[in-house]
Amino acid sequence: MRALRWGLHQAVVDSTTIDAVTAWQYPIVYGWALPPTDDYDHRRIAQKLLADVIGEVARSERTVEIHDRVVEGHPIRVLLDAARDARLLVLGHGGDAGVSRALGSVSRHCTHSCPCTVVVVR
């Protein structure tokens, strides 16, 4: 939420749109991907979570157009693909809560490999 809120304020300043992207994967247990079931639809859950976050953050700012994208895949690959034609990639801070100053693995990888400017919001 903080990353989207930061990106929303920047989009207002830059008069641009936002692509809100979330990645999801089927859970892997001991090297095996769990099969999808009707009871637990990972894509639908990710779409609902993203829609809820966008609704919460964007309700105060209606002048910015937000496109939601839910993509199956590893977060690093999904985010770097999304940033290929972007001017800015805004990420939420992840990582181990016990190492509060360190970047998480996704943020660290994106800051080193991204073709555009990266902002990591704590």
PDB file of N, CA and C in Angstrom:
ATOM      1  N   MET A   1       0.823  -1.199   0.000  1.00  0.00           N
ATOM      2  CA  MET A   1       0.000   0.000   0.000  1.00  0.00           C
ATOM      3  C   MET A   1       0.865   1.260   0.000  1.00  0.00           C
ATOM      4  N   ARG A   2       1.921   1.235   0.784  1.00  0.00           N
ATOM      5  CA  ARG A   2       2.785   2.424   0.841  1.00  0.00           C
ATOM      6  C   ARG A   2       3.440   2.706  -0.506  1.00  0.00           C
ATOM      7  N   ALA A   3       3.857   1.647  -1.188  1.00  0.00           N
ATOM      8  CA  ALA A   3       4.493   1.834  -2.499  1.00  0.00           C
ATOM      9  C   ALA A   3       3.497   2.412  -3.500  1.00  0.00           C
ATOM     10  N   LEU A   4       2.289   1.898  -3.511  1.00  0.00           N
ATOM     11  CA  LEU A   4       1.273   2.420  -4.432  1.00  0.00           C
ATOM     12  C   LEU A   4       0.924   3.859  -4.073  1.00  0.00           C
ATOM     13  N   ARG A   5       0.826   4.149  -2.795  1.00  0.00           N
ATOM     14  CA  ARG A   5       0.525   5.521  -2.364  1.00  0.00           C
ATOM     15  C   ARG A   5       1.640   6.479  -2.828  1.00  0.00           C
ATOM     16  N   TRP A   6       2.895   6.060  -2.672  1.00  0.00           N
ATOM     17  CA  TRP A   6       4.033   6.884  -3.104  1.00  0.00           C
ATOM     18  C   TRP A   6       3.964   7.070  -4.620  1.00  0.00           C
ATOM     19  N   GLY A   7       3.732   5.971  -5.342  1.00  0.00           N
ATOM     20  CA  GLY A   7       3.642   6.049  -6.798  1.00  0.00           C
ATOM     21  C   GLY A   7       2.489   6.918  -7.258  1.00  0.00           C
ATOM     22  N   LEU A   8       1.392   6.884  -6.536  1.00  0.00           N
ATOM     23  CA  LEU A   8       0.231   7.707  -6.869  1.00  0.00           C
ATOM     24  C   LEU A   8       0.570   9.188  -6.757  1.00  0.00           C
ATOM     25  N   HIS A   9       1.243   9.562  -5.678  1.00  0.00           N
ATOM     26  CA  HIS A   9       1.647  10.970  -5.518  1.00  0.00           C
ATOM     27  C   HIS A   9       2.618  11.387  -6.621  1.00  0.00           C
ATOM     28  N   GLN A  10       3.536  10.504  -6.986  1.00  0.00           N
ATOM     29  CA  GLN A  10       4.486  10.815  -8.053  1.00  0.00           C
ATOM     30  C   GLN A  10       3.775  10.922  -9.390  1.00  0.00           C
ATOM     31  N   ALA A  11       2.791  10.074  -9.623  1.00  0.00           N
ATOM     32  CA  ALA A  11       2.029  10.126 -10.877  1.00  0.00           C
ATOM     33  C   ALA A  11       1.259  11.439 -11.002  1.00  0.00           C
ATOM     34  N   VAL A  12       0.777  11.963  -9.880  1.00  0.00           N
ATOM     35  CA  VAL A  12       0.105  13.272  -9.904  1.00  0.00           C
ATOM     36  C   VAL A  12       1.097  14.343 -10.315  1.00  0.00           C
ATOM     37  N   VAL A  13       2.295  14.328  -9.745  1.00  0.00           N
ATOM     38  CA  VAL A  13       3.327  15.311 -10.059  1.00  0.00           C
ATOM     39  C   VAL A  13       3.729  15.210 -11.531  1.00  0.00           C
ATOM     40  N   ASP A  14       3.890  13.982 -12.022  1.00  0.00           N
ATOM     41  CA  ASP A  14       4.355  13.762 -13.395  1.00  0.00           C
ATOM     42  C   ASP A  14       3.229  13.728 -14.422  1.00  0.00           C
ATOM     43  N   SER A  15       1.990  13.826 -13.988  1.00  0.00           N
ATOM     44  CA  SER A  15       0.828  13.717 -14.882  1.00  0.00           C
ATOM     45  C   SER A  15       0.914  12.469 -15.745  1.00  0.00           C
ATOM     46  N   THR A  16       1.037  11.323 -15.097  1.00  0.00           N
ATOM     47  CA  THR A  16       1.178  10.060 -15.804  1.00  0.00           C
ATOM     48  C   THR A  16       0.225   9.025 -15.225  1.00  0.00           C
ATOM     49  N   THR A  17       0.232   7.854 -15.803  1.00  0.00           N
ATOM     50  CA  THR A  17      -0.615   6.758 -15.326  1.00  0.00           C
ATOM     51  C   THR A  17       0.223   5.777 -14.509  1.00  0.00           C
ATOM     52  N   ILE A  18      -0.467   4.843 -13.872  1.00  0.00           N
ATOM     53  CA  ILE A  18       0.196   3.815 -13.069  1.00  0.00           C
ATOM     54  C   ILE A  18      -0.217   2.448 -13.589  1.00  0.00           C
ATOM     55  N   ASP A  19       0.753   1.552 -13.684  1.00  0.00           N
ATOM     56  CA  ASP A  19       0.485   0.135 -13.882  1.00  0.00           C
ATOM     57  C   ASP A  19       0.765  -0.539 -12.543  1.00  0.00           C
ATOM     58  N   ALA A  20      -0.276  -0.913 -11.836  1.00  0.00           N
ATOM     59  CA  ALA A  20      -0.131  -1.619 -10.565  1.00  0.00           C
ATOM     60  C   ALA A  20      -0.037  -3.102 -10.883  1.00  0.00           C
ATOM     61  N   VAL A  21       1.109  -3.694 -10.591  1.00  0.00           N
ATOM     62  CA  VAL A  21       1.400  -5.064 -10.988  1.00  0.00           C
ATOM     63  C   VAL A  21       1.602  -5.921  -9.747  1.00  0.00           C
ATOM     64  N   THR A  22       0.986  -7.082  -9.757  1.00  0.00           N
ATOM     65  CA  THR A  22       1.272  -8.068  -8.719  1.00  0.00           C
ATOM     66  C   THR A  22       1.537  -9.405  -9.389  1.00  0.00           C
ATOM     67  N   ALA A  23       2.452 -10.150  -8.805  1.00  0.00           N
ATOM     68  CA  ALA A  23       2.809 -11.461  -9.336  1.00  0.00           C
ATOM     69  C   ALA A  23       2.301 -12.541  -8.389  1.00  0.00           C
ATOM     70  N   TRP A  24       1.982 -13.673  -8.963  1.00  0.00           N
ATOM     71  CA  TRP A  24       1.576 -14.817  -8.142  1.00  0.00           C
ATOM     72  C   TRP A  24       2.133 -16.088  -8.765  1.00  0.00           C
ATOM     73  N   GLN A  25       2.309 -17.090  -7.926  1.00  0.00           N
ATOM     74  CA  GLN A  25       2.777 -18.391  -8.381  1.00  0.00           C
ATOM     75  C   GLN A  25       2.008 -19.471  -7.627  1.00  0.00           C
ATOM     76  N   TYR A  26       1.896 -20.633  -8.245  1.00  0.00           N
ATOM     77  CA  TYR A  26       1.363 -21.770  -7.511  1.00  0.00           C
ATOM     78  C   TYR A  26       2.382 -22.133  -6.433  1.00  0.00           C
ATOM     79  N   PRO A  27       1.923 -22.420  -5.228  1.00  0.00           N
ATOM     80  CA  PRO A  27       2.857 -22.772  -4.151  1.00  0.00           C
ATOM     81  C   PRO A  27       3.655 -24.018  -4.510  1.00  0.00           C
ATOM     82  N   ILE A  28       4.903 -24.007  -4.124  1.00  0.00           N
ATOM     83  CA  ILE A  28       5.772 -25.154  -4.377  1.00  0.00           C
ATOM     84  C   ILE A  28       6.122 -25.787  -3.034  1.00  0.00           C
ATOM     85  N   VAL A  29       5.871 -27.078  -2.933  1.00  0.00           N
ATOM     86  CA  VAL A  29       6.157 -27.811  -1.710  1.00  0.00           C
ATOM     87  C   VAL A  29       7.131 -28.927  -2.052  1.00  0.00           C
ATOM     88  N   TYR A  30       8.310 -28.861  -1.489  1.00  0.00           N
ATOM     89  CA  TYR A  30       9.330 -29.886  -1.721  1.00  0.00           C
ATOM     90  C   TYR A  30       9.577 -30.137  -3.201  1.00  0.00           C
ATOM     91  N   GLY A  31       9.630 -29.055  -3.968  1.00  0.00           N
ATOM     92  CA  GLY A  31       9.942 -29.160  -5.386  1.00  0.00           C
ATOM     93  C   GLY A  31       8.766 -29.474  -6.296  1.00  0.00           C
ATOM     94  N   TRP A  32       7.581 -29.660  -5.735  1.00  0.00           N
ATOM     95  CA  TRP A  32       6.391 -29.957  -6.534  1.00  0.00           C
ATOM     96  C   TRP A  32       5.418 -28.807  -6.437  1.00  0.00           C
ATOM     97  N   ALA A  33       4.902 -28.369  -7.557  1.00  0.00           N
ATOM     98  CA  ALA A  33       3.870 -27.326  -7.545  1.00  0.00           C
ATOM     99  C   ALA A  33       2.539 -27.975  -7.190  1.00  0.00           C
ATOM    100  N   LEU A  34       1.832 -27.359  -6.276  1.00  0.00           N
ATOM    101  CA  LEU A  34       0.507 -27.862  -5.919  1.00  0.00           C
ATOM    102  C   LEU A  34      -0.461 -27.580  -7.061  1.00  0.00           C
ATOM    103  N   PRO A  35      -1.312 -28.529  -7.401  1.00  0.00           N
ATOM    104  CA  PRO A  35      -2.243 -28.302  -8.512  1.00  0.00           C
ATOM    105  C   PRO A  35      -3.315 -27.298  -8.124  1.00  0.00           C
ATOM    106  N   PRO A  36      -3.815 -26.539  -9.091  1.00  0.00           N
ATOM    107  CA  PRO A  36      -4.899 -25.601  -8.785  1.00  0.00           C
ATOM    108  C   PRO A  36      -6.161 -26.361  -8.399  1.00  0.00           C
ATOM    109  N   THR A  37      -6.933 -25.760  -7.530  1.00  0.00           N
ATOM    110  CA  THR A  37      -8.203 -26.362  -7.143  1.00  0.00           C
ATOM    111  C   THR A  37      -9.294 -25.320  -7.274  1.00  0.00           C
ATOM    112  N   ASP A  38     -10.528 -25.768  -7.338  1.00  0.00           N
ATOM    113  CA  ASP A  38     -11.652 -24.840  -7.415  1.00  0.00           C
ATOM    114  C   ASP A  38     -11.811 -24.059  -6.115  1.00  0.00           C
ATOM    115  N   ASP A  39     -11.371 -24.655  -5.009  1.00  0.00           N
ATOM    116  CA  ASP A  39     -11.521 -24.009  -3.705  1.00  0.00           C
ATOM    117  C   ASP A  39     -10.513 -22.887  -3.484  1.00  0.00           C
ATOM    118  N   TYR A  40      -9.375 -22.968  -4.143  1.00  0.00           N
ATOM    119  CA  TYR A  40      -8.313 -21.997  -3.892  1.00  0.00           C
ATOM    120  C   TYR A  40      -7.750 -21.528  -5.226  1.00  0.00           C
ATOM    121  N   ASP A  41      -8.299 -20.467  -5.772  1.00  0.00           N
ATOM    122  CA  ASP A  41      -7.906 -19.922  -7.063  1.00  0.00           C
ATOM    123  C   ASP A  41      -6.899 -18.793  -6.837  1.00  0.00           C
ATOM    124  N   HIS A  42      -5.629 -19.092  -7.036  1.00  0.00           N
ATOM    125  CA  HIS A  42      -4.553 -18.145  -6.744  1.00  0.00           C
ATOM    126  C   HIS A  42      -4.684 -16.850  -7.531  1.00  0.00           C
ATOM    127  N   ARG A  43      -5.014 -16.961  -8.806  1.00  0.00           N
ATOM    128  CA  ARG A  43      -5.156 -15.759  -9.639  1.00  0.00           C
ATOM    129  C   ARG A  43      -6.292 -14.872  -9.122  1.00  0.00           C
ATOM    130  N   ARG A  44      -7.415 -15.479  -8.803  1.00  0.00           N
ATOM    131  CA  ARG A  44      -8.562 -14.719  -8.302  1.00  0.00           C
ATOM    132  C   ARG A  44      -8.230 -14.034  -6.978  1.00  0.00           C
ATOM    133  N   ILE A  45      -7.530 -14.735  -6.117  1.00  0.00           N
ATOM    134  CA  ILE A  45      -7.135 -14.146  -4.826  1.00  0.00           C
ATOM    135  C   ILE A  45      -6.194 -12.965  -5.049  1.00  0.00           C
ATOM    136  N   ALA A  46      -5.219 -13.129  -5.940  1.00  0.00           N
ATOM    137  CA  ALA A  46      -4.284 -12.033  -6.233  1.00  0.00           C
ATOM    138  C   ALA A  46      -5.024 -10.848  -6.843  1.00  0.00           C
ATOM    139  N   GLN A  47      -5.982 -11.101  -7.730  1.00  0.00           N
ATOM    140  CA  GLN A  47      -6.754 -10.017  -8.341  1.00  0.00           C
ATOM    141  C   GLN A  47      -7.562  -9.261  -7.298  1.00  0.00           C
ATOM    142  N   LYS A  48      -8.162  -9.985  -6.370  1.00  0.00           N
ATOM    143  CA  LYS A  48      -8.951  -9.338  -5.320  1.00  0.00           C
ATOM    144  C   LYS A  48      -8.062  -8.510  -4.394  1.00  0.00           C
ATOM    145  N   LEU A  49      -6.915  -9.060  -4.018  1.00  0.00           N
ATOM    146  CA  LEU A  49      -5.993  -8.311  -3.164  1.00  0.00           C
ATOM    147  C   LEU A  49      -5.542  -7.016  -3.834  1.00  0.00           C
ATOM    148  N   LEU A  50      -5.182  -7.101  -5.110  1.00  0.00           N
ATOM    149  CA  LEU A  50      -4.743  -5.907  -5.828  1.00  0.00           C
ATOM    150  C   LEU A  50      -5.879  -4.902  -5.958  1.00  0.00           C
ATOM    151  N   ALA A  51      -7.066  -5.369  -6.283  1.00  0.00           N
ATOM    152  CA  ALA A  51      -8.218  -4.463  -6.398  1.00  0.00           C
ATOM    153  C   ALA A  51      -8.511  -3.780  -5.059  1.00  0.00           C
ATOM    154  N   ASP A  52      -8.402  -4.527  -3.966  1.00  0.00           N
ATOM    155  CA  ASP A  52      -8.635  -3.941  -2.635  1.00  0.00           C
ATOM    156  C   ASP A  52      -7.597  -2.876  -2.306  1.00  0.00           C
ATOM    157  N   VAL A  53      -6.342  -3.143  -2.622  1.00  0.00           N
ATOM    158  CA  VAL A  53      -5.274  -2.168  -2.349  1.00  0.00           C
ATOM    159  C   VAL A  53      -5.478  -0.922  -3.197  1.00  0.00           C
ATOM    160  N   ILE A  54      -5.763  -1.108  -4.476  1.00  0.00           N
ATOM    161  CA  ILE A  54      -5.998   0.046  -5.346  1.00  0.00           C
ATOM    162  C   ILE A  54      -7.191   0.846  -4.838  1.00  0.00           C
ATOM    163  N   GLY A  55      -8.266   0.174  -4.472  1.00  0.00           N
ATOM    164  CA  GLY A  55      -9.444   0.866  -3.958  1.00  0.00           C
ATOM    165  C   GLY A  55      -9.151   1.664  -2.708  1.00  0.00           C
ATOM    166  N   GLU A  56      -8.373   1.096  -1.812  1.00  0.00           N
ATOM    167  CA  GLU A  56      -8.026   1.776  -0.557  1.00  0.00           C
ATOM    168  C   GLU A  56      -7.133   2.991  -0.808  1.00  0.00           C
ATOM    169  N   VAL A  57      -6.134   2.831  -1.630  1.00  0.00           N
ATOM    170  CA  VAL A  57      -5.149   3.898  -1.851  1.00  0.00           C
ATOM    171  C   VAL A  57      -5.685   4.981  -2.772  1.00  0.00           C
ATOM    172  N   ALA A  58      -6.394   4.593  -3.813  1.00  0.00           N
ATOM    173  CA  ALA A  58      -6.786   5.547  -4.845  1.00  0.00           C
ATOM    174  C   ALA A  58      -8.076   6.289  -4.543  1.00  0.00           C
ATOM    175  N   ARG A  59      -8.756   5.962  -3.484  1.00  0.00           N
ATOM    176  CA  ARG A  59     -10.045   6.629  -3.243  1.00  0.00           C
ATOM    177  C   ARG A  59      -9.886   8.124  -3.001  1.00  0.00           C
ATOM    178  N   SER A  60      -8.713   8.545  -2.500  1.00  0.00           N
ATOM    179  CA  SER A  60      -8.508   9.973  -2.249  1.00  0.00           C
ATOM    180  C   SER A  60      -7.999  10.720  -3.482  1.00  0.00           C
ATOM    181  N   GLU A  61      -7.514   9.988  -4.486  1.00  0.00           N
ATOM    182  CA  GLU A  61      -6.926  10.621  -5.675  1.00  0.00           C
ATOM    183  C   GLU A  61      -7.524   9.989  -6.918  1.00  0.00           C
ATOM    184  N   ARG A  62      -8.472  10.664  -7.510  1.00  0.00           N
ATOM    185  CA  ARG A  62      -9.181  10.114  -8.672  1.00  0.00           C
ATOM    186  C   ARG A  62      -8.652  10.650 -10.002  1.00  0.00           C
ATOM    187  N   THR A  63      -7.626  11.476  -9.986  1.00  0.00           N
ATOM    188  CA  THR A  63      -7.142  12.068 -11.233  1.00  0.00           C
ATOM    189  C   THR A  63      -6.115  11.193 -11.947  1.00  0.00           C
ATOM    190  N   VAL A  64      -5.619  10.163 -11.288  1.00  0.00           N
ATOM    191  CA  VAL A  64      -4.601   9.303 -11.874  1.00  0.00           C
ATOM    192  C   VAL A  64      -5.253   8.011 -12.354  1.00  0.00           C
ATOM    193  N   GLU A  65      -4.958   7.650 -13.593  1.00  0.00           N
ATOM    194  CA  GLU A  65      -5.470   6.405 -14.149  1.00  0.00           C
ATOM    195  C   GLU A  65      -4.578   5.256 -13.687  1.00  0.00           C
ATOM    196  N   ILE A  66      -5.191   4.222 -13.115  1.00  0.00           N
ATOM    197  CA  ILE A  66      -4.445   3.064 -12.613  1.00  0.00           C
ATOM    198  C   ILE A  66      -4.897   1.823 -13.366  1.00  0.00           C
ATOM    199  N   HIS A  67      -3.936   1.149 -13.981  1.00  0.00           N
ATOM    200  CA  HIS A  67      -4.189  -0.109 -14.685  1.00  0.00           C
ATOM    201  C   HIS A  67      -3.705  -1.241 -13.792  1.00  0.00           C
ATOM    202  N   ASP A  68      -4.573  -2.193 -13.510  1.00  0.00           N
ATOM    203  CA  ASP A  68      -4.147  -3.311 -12.674  1.00  0.00           C
ATOM    204  C   ASP A  68      -3.743  -4.488 -13.545  1.00  0.00           C
ATOM    205  N   ARG A  69      -2.646  -5.127 -13.151  1.00  0.00           N
ATOM    206  CA  ARG A  69      -2.141  -6.285 -13.888  1.00  0.00           C
ATOM    207  C   ARG A  69      -1.759  -7.371 -12.893  1.00  0.00           C
ATOM    208  N   VAL A  70      -2.355  -8.526 -13.052  1.00  0.00           N
ATOM    209  CA  VAL A  70      -2.038  -9.687 -12.228  1.00  0.00           C
ATOM    210  C   VAL A  70      -1.379 -10.703 -13.151  1.00  0.00           C
ATOM    211  N   VAL A  71      -0.122 -11.056 -12.835  1.00  0.00           N
ATOM    212  CA  VAL A  71       0.669 -11.878 -13.741  1.00  0.00           C
ATOM    213  C   VAL A  71       1.195 -13.107 -12.994  1.00  0.00           C
ATOM    214  N   GLU A  72       1.027 -14.259 -13.611  1.00  0.00           N
ATOM    215  CA  GLU A  72       1.597 -15.470 -13.021  1.00  0.00           C
ATOM    216  C   GLU A  72       3.091 -15.504 -13.307  1.00  0.00           C
ATOM    217  N   GLY A  73       3.887 -15.723 -12.274  1.00  0.00           N
ATOM    218  CA  GLY A  73       5.328 -15.837 -12.448  1.00  0.00           C
ATOM    219  C   GLY A  73       6.079 -15.374 -11.218  1.00  0.00           C
ATOM    220  N   HIS A  74       7.370 -15.555 -11.252  1.00  0.00           N
ATOM    221  CA  HIS A  74       8.224 -15.127 -10.143  1.00  0.00           C
ATOM    222  C   HIS A  74       8.242 -13.598 -10.089  1.00  0.00           C
ATOM    223  N   PRO A  75       8.148 -13.014  -8.902  1.00  0.00           N
ATOM    224  CA  PRO A  75       8.059 -11.552  -8.788  1.00  0.00           C
ATOM    225  C   PRO A  75       9.194 -10.796  -9.489  1.00  0.00           C
ATOM    226  N   ILE A  76      10.406 -11.292  -9.423  1.00  0.00           N
ATOM    227  CA  ILE A  76      11.521 -10.580 -10.056  1.00  0.00           C
ATOM    228  C   ILE A  76      11.302 -10.510 -11.566  1.00  0.00           C
ATOM    229  N   ARG A  77      10.977 -11.644 -12.175  1.00  0.00           N
ATOM    230  CA  ARG A  77      10.772 -11.664 -13.624  1.00  0.00           C
ATOM    231  C   ARG A  77       9.592 -10.792 -14.026  1.00  0.00           C
ATOM    232  N   VAL A  78       8.497 -10.909 -13.277  1.00  0.00           N
ATOM    233  CA  VAL A  78       7.291 -10.146 -13.596  1.00  0.00           C
ATOM    234  C   VAL A  78       7.558  -8.649 -13.494  1.00  0.00           C
ATOM    235  N   LEU A  79       8.225  -8.220 -12.441  1.00  0.00           N
ATOM    236  CA  LEU A  79       8.482  -6.790 -12.243  1.00  0.00           C
ATOM    237  C   LEU A  79       9.481  -6.245 -13.266  1.00  0.00           C
ATOM    238  N   LEU A  80      10.530  -6.997 -13.556  1.00  0.00           N
ATOM    239  CA  LEU A  80      11.490  -6.525 -14.562  1.00  0.00           C
ATOM    240  C   LEU A  80      10.852  -6.462 -15.945  1.00  0.00           C
ATOM    241  N   ASP A  81       9.995  -7.404 -16.265  1.00  0.00           N
ATOM    242  CA  ASP A  81       9.263  -7.349 -17.545  1.00  0.00           C
ATOM    243  C   ASP A  81       8.357  -6.116 -17.581  1.00  0.00           C
ATOM    244  N   ALA A  82       7.670  -5.852 -16.478  1.00  0.00           N
ATOM    245  CA  ALA A  82       6.771  -4.696 -16.417  1.00  0.00           C
ATOM    246  C   ALA A  82       7.539  -3.379 -16.515  1.00  0.00           C
ATOM    247  N   ALA A  83       8.765  -3.363 -16.019  1.00  0.00           N
ATOM    248  CA  ALA A  83       9.565  -2.135 -16.002  1.00  0.00           C
ATOM    249  C   ALA A  83      10.296  -1.885 -17.315  1.00  0.00           C
ATOM    250  N   ARG A  84      10.234  -2.827 -18.227  1.00  0.00           N
ATOM    251  CA  ARG A  84      10.988  -2.714 -19.487  1.00  0.00           C
ATOM    252  C   ARG A  84      10.711  -1.398 -20.213  1.00  0.00           C
ATOM    253  N   ASP A  85       9.464  -0.954 -20.246  1.00  0.00           N
ATOM    254  CA  ASP A  85       9.107   0.285 -20.938  1.00  0.00           C
ATOM    255  C   ASP A  85       8.691   1.388 -19.967  1.00  0.00           C
ATOM    256  N   ALA A  86       8.994   1.212 -18.702  1.00  0.00           N
ATOM    257  CA  ALA A  86       8.579   2.186 -17.681  1.00  0.00           C
ATOM    258  C   ALA A  86       9.662   3.233 -17.451  1.00  0.00           C
ATOM    259  N   ARG A  87       9.231   4.361 -16.906  1.00  0.00           N
ATOM    260  CA  ARG A  87      10.194   5.393 -16.488  1.00  0.00           C
ATOM    261  C   ARG A  87      10.600   5.214 -15.037  1.00  0.00           C
ATOM    262  N   LEU A  88       9.745   4.521 -14.260  1.00  0.00           N
ATOM    263  CA  LEU A  88       9.968   4.390 -12.828  1.00  0.00           C
ATOM    264  C   LEU A  88       9.327   3.099 -12.339  1.00  0.00           C
ATOM    265  N   LEU A  89      10.034   2.369 -11.473  1.00  0.00           N
ATOM    266  CA  LEU A  89       9.495   1.186 -10.812  1.00  0.00           C
ATOM    267  C   LEU A  89       9.484   1.476  -9.319  1.00  0.00           C
ATOM    268  N   VAL A  90       8.309   1.401  -8.712  1.00  0.00           N
ATOM    269  CA  VAL A  90       8.163   1.653  -7.278  1.00  0.00           C
ATOM    270  C   VAL A  90       7.824   0.331  -6.618  1.00  0.00           C
ATOM    271  N   LEU A  91       8.628  -0.044  -5.634  1.00  0.00           N
ATOM    272  CA  LEU A  91       8.467  -1.318  -4.947  1.00  0.00           C
ATOM    273  C   LEU A  91       8.219  -1.097  -3.468  1.00  0.00           C
ATOM    274  N   GLY A  92       7.464  -1.994  -2.877  1.00  0.00           N
ATOM    275  CA  GLY A  92       7.338  -2.010  -1.426  1.00  0.00           C
ATOM    276  C   GLY A  92       8.551  -2.700  -0.837  1.00  0.00           C
ATOM    277  N   HIS A  93       8.892  -2.355   0.381  1.00  0.00           N
ATOM    278  CA  HIS A  93      10.037  -2.969   1.055  1.00  0.00           C
ATOM    279  C   HIS A  93       9.638  -4.341   1.557  1.00  0.00           C
ATOM    280  N   GLY A  94      10.421  -5.327   1.206  1.00  0.00           N
ATOM    281  CA  GLY A  94      10.176  -6.680   1.700  1.00  0.00           C
ATOM    282  C   GLY A  94      11.344  -7.082   2.581  1.00  0.00           C
ATOM    283  N   GLY A  95      11.688  -8.324   2.520  1.00  0.00           N
ATOM    284  CA  GLY A  95      12.844  -8.800   3.268  1.00  0.00           C
ATOM    285  C   GLY A  95      12.492  -9.239   4.666  1.00  0.00           C
ATOM    286  N   ASP A  96      13.496  -9.676   5.362  1.00  0.00           N
ATOM    287  CA  ASP A  96      13.373 -10.197   6.720  1.00  0.00           C
ATOM    288  C   ASP A  96      13.144  -9.061   7.699  1.00  0.00           C
ATOM    289  N   ALA A  97      12.094  -9.157   8.486  1.00  0.00           N
ATOM    290  CA  ALA A  97      11.780  -8.107   9.461  1.00  0.00           C
ATOM    291  C   ALA A  97      12.907  -7.918  10.461  1.00  0.00           C
ATOM    292  N   GLY A  98      13.702  -8.938  10.681  1.00  0.00           N
ATOM    293  CA  GLY A  98      14.823  -8.828  11.609  1.00  0.00           C
ATOM    294  C   GLY A  98      15.987  -8.043  11.041  1.00  0.00           C
ATOM    295  N   VAL A  99      15.992  -7.833   9.752  1.00  0.00           N
ATOM    296  CA  VAL A  99      17.062  -7.069   9.098  1.00  0.00           C
ATOM    297  C   VAL A  99      16.397  -5.850   8.476  1.00  0.00           C
ATOM    298  N   SER A 100      15.985  -4.929   9.305  1.00  0.00           N
ATOM    299  CA  SER A 100      15.137  -3.826   8.854  1.00  0.00           C
ATOM    300  C   SER A 100      15.820  -2.875   7.882  1.00  0.00           C
ATOM    301  N   ARG A 101      17.130  -2.841   7.851  1.00  0.00           N
ATOM    302  CA  ARG A 101      17.824  -1.909   6.954  1.00  0.00           C
ATOM    303  C   ARG A 101      18.153  -2.536   5.605  1.00  0.00           C
ATOM    304  N   ALA A 102      18.072  -3.830   5.502  1.00  0.00           N
ATOM    305  CA  ALA A 102      18.438  -4.510   4.259  1.00  0.00           C
ATOM    306  C   ALA A 102      17.255  -4.575   3.307  1.00  0.00           C
ATOM    307  N   LEU A 103      17.554  -4.598   2.029  1.00  0.00           N
ATOM    308  CA  LEU A 103      16.520  -4.801   1.028  1.00  0.00           C
ATOM    309  C   LEU A 103      16.175  -6.278   0.949  1.00  0.00           C
ATOM    310  N   GLY A 104      14.944  -6.565   0.587  1.00  0.00           N
ATOM    311  CA  GLY A 104      14.558  -7.935   0.334  1.00  0.00           C
ATOM    312  C   GLY A 104      15.162  -8.410  -0.976  1.00  0.00           C
ATOM    313  N   SER A 105      15.067  -9.694  -1.242  1.00  0.00           N
ATOM    314  CA  SER A 105      15.706 -10.247  -2.439  1.00  0.00           C
ATOM    315  C   SER A 105      15.106  -9.686  -3.723  1.00  0.00           C
ATOM    316  N   VAL A 106      13.801  -9.464  -3.771  1.00  0.00           N
ATOM    317  CA  VAL A 106      13.171  -8.919  -4.971  1.00  0.00           C
ATOM    318  C   VAL A 106      13.628  -7.477  -5.184  1.00  0.00           C
ATOM    319  N   SER A 107      13.561  -6.661  -4.147  1.00  0.00           N
ATOM    320  CA  SER A 107      13.994  -5.260  -4.265  1.00  0.00           C
ATOM    321  C   SER A 107      15.463  -5.170  -4.643  1.00  0.00           C
ATOM    322  N   ARG A 108      16.287  -5.979  -4.004  1.00  0.00           N
ATOM    323  CA  ARG A 108      17.729  -5.948  -4.283  1.00  0.00           C
ATOM    324  C   ARG A 108      17.988  -6.309  -5.742  1.00  0.00           C
ATOM    325  N   HIS A 109      17.350  -7.356  -6.223  1.00  0.00           N
ATOM    326  CA  HIS A 109      17.567  -7.778  -7.607  1.00  0.00           C
ATOM    327  C   HIS A 109      17.070  -6.714  -8.585  1.00  0.00           C
ATOM    328  N   CYS A 110      15.907  -6.151  -8.321  1.00  0.00           N
ATOM    329  CA  CYS A 110      15.353  -5.130  -9.220  1.00  0.00           C
ATOM    330  C   CYS A 110      16.215  -3.870  -9.243  1.00  0.00           C
ATOM    331  N   THR A 111      16.751  -3.459  -8.105  1.00  0.00           N
ATOM    332  CA  THR A 111      17.584  -2.255  -8.093  1.00  0.00           C
ATOM    333  C   THR A 111      18.867  -2.460  -8.892  1.00  0.00           C
ATOM    334  N   HIS A 112      19.338  -3.692  -9.001  1.00  0.00           N
ATOM    335  CA  HIS A 112      20.565  -3.965  -9.754  1.00  0.00           C
ATOM    336  C   HIS A 112      20.321  -4.260 -11.228  1.00  0.00           C
ATOM    337  N   SER A 113      19.113  -4.714 -11.577  1.00  0.00           N
ATOM    338  CA  SER A 113      18.884  -5.193 -12.938  1.00  0.00           C
ATOM    339  C   SER A 113      17.837  -4.416 -13.727  1.00  0.00           C
ATOM    340  N   CYS A 114      17.187  -3.476 -13.111  1.00  0.00           N
ATOM    341  CA  CYS A 114      16.075  -2.780 -13.755  1.00  0.00           C
ATOM    342  C   CYS A 114      16.559  -1.769 -14.791  1.00  0.00           C
ATOM    343  N   PRO A 115      15.868  -1.669 -15.927  1.00  0.00           N
ATOM    344  CA  PRO A 115      16.264  -0.721 -16.967  1.00  0.00           C
ATOM    345  C   PRO A 115      15.845   0.723 -16.669  1.00  0.00           C
ATOM    346  N   CYS A 116      15.087   0.936 -15.588  1.00  0.00           N
ATOM    347  CA  CYS A 116      14.645   2.286 -15.255  1.00  0.00           C
ATOM    348  C   CYS A 116      14.972   2.593 -13.788  1.00  0.00           C
ATOM    349  N   THR A 117      14.654   3.791 -13.353  1.00  0.00           N
ATOM    350  CA  THR A 117      14.868   4.177 -11.972  1.00  0.00           C
ATOM    351  C   THR A 117      13.974   3.340 -11.062  1.00  0.00           C
ATOM    352  N   VAL A 118      14.512   2.947  -9.901  1.00  0.00           N
ATOM    353  CA  VAL A 118      13.763   2.143  -8.941  1.00  0.00           C
ATOM    354  C   VAL A 118      13.677   2.896  -7.621  1.00  0.00           C
ATOM    355  N   VAL A 119      12.493   2.949  -7.047  1.00  0.00           N
ATOM    356  CA  VAL A 119      12.278   3.507  -5.720  1.00  0.00           C
ATOM    357  C   VAL A 119      11.755   2.380  -4.838  1.00  0.00           C
ATOM    358  N   VAL A 120      12.383   2.177  -3.682  1.00  0.00           N
ATOM    359  CA  VAL A 120      11.916   1.190  -2.726  1.00  0.00           C
ATOM    360  C   VAL A 120      11.340   1.938  -1.544  1.00  0.00           C
ATOM    361  N   VAL A 121      10.055   1.749  -1.298  1.00  0.00           N
ATOM    362  CA  VAL A 121       9.349   2.461  -0.239  1.00  0.00           C
ATOM    363  C   VAL A 121       9.289   1.552   0.979  1.00  0.00           C
ATOM    364  N   ARG A 122       9.815   2.046   2.088  1.00  0.00           N
ATOM    365  CA  ARG A 122       9.784   1.259   3.348  1.00  0.00           C
ATOM    366  C   ARG A 122       8.447   1.392   4.006  1.00  0.00           C
TER     367      ARG A 122
END
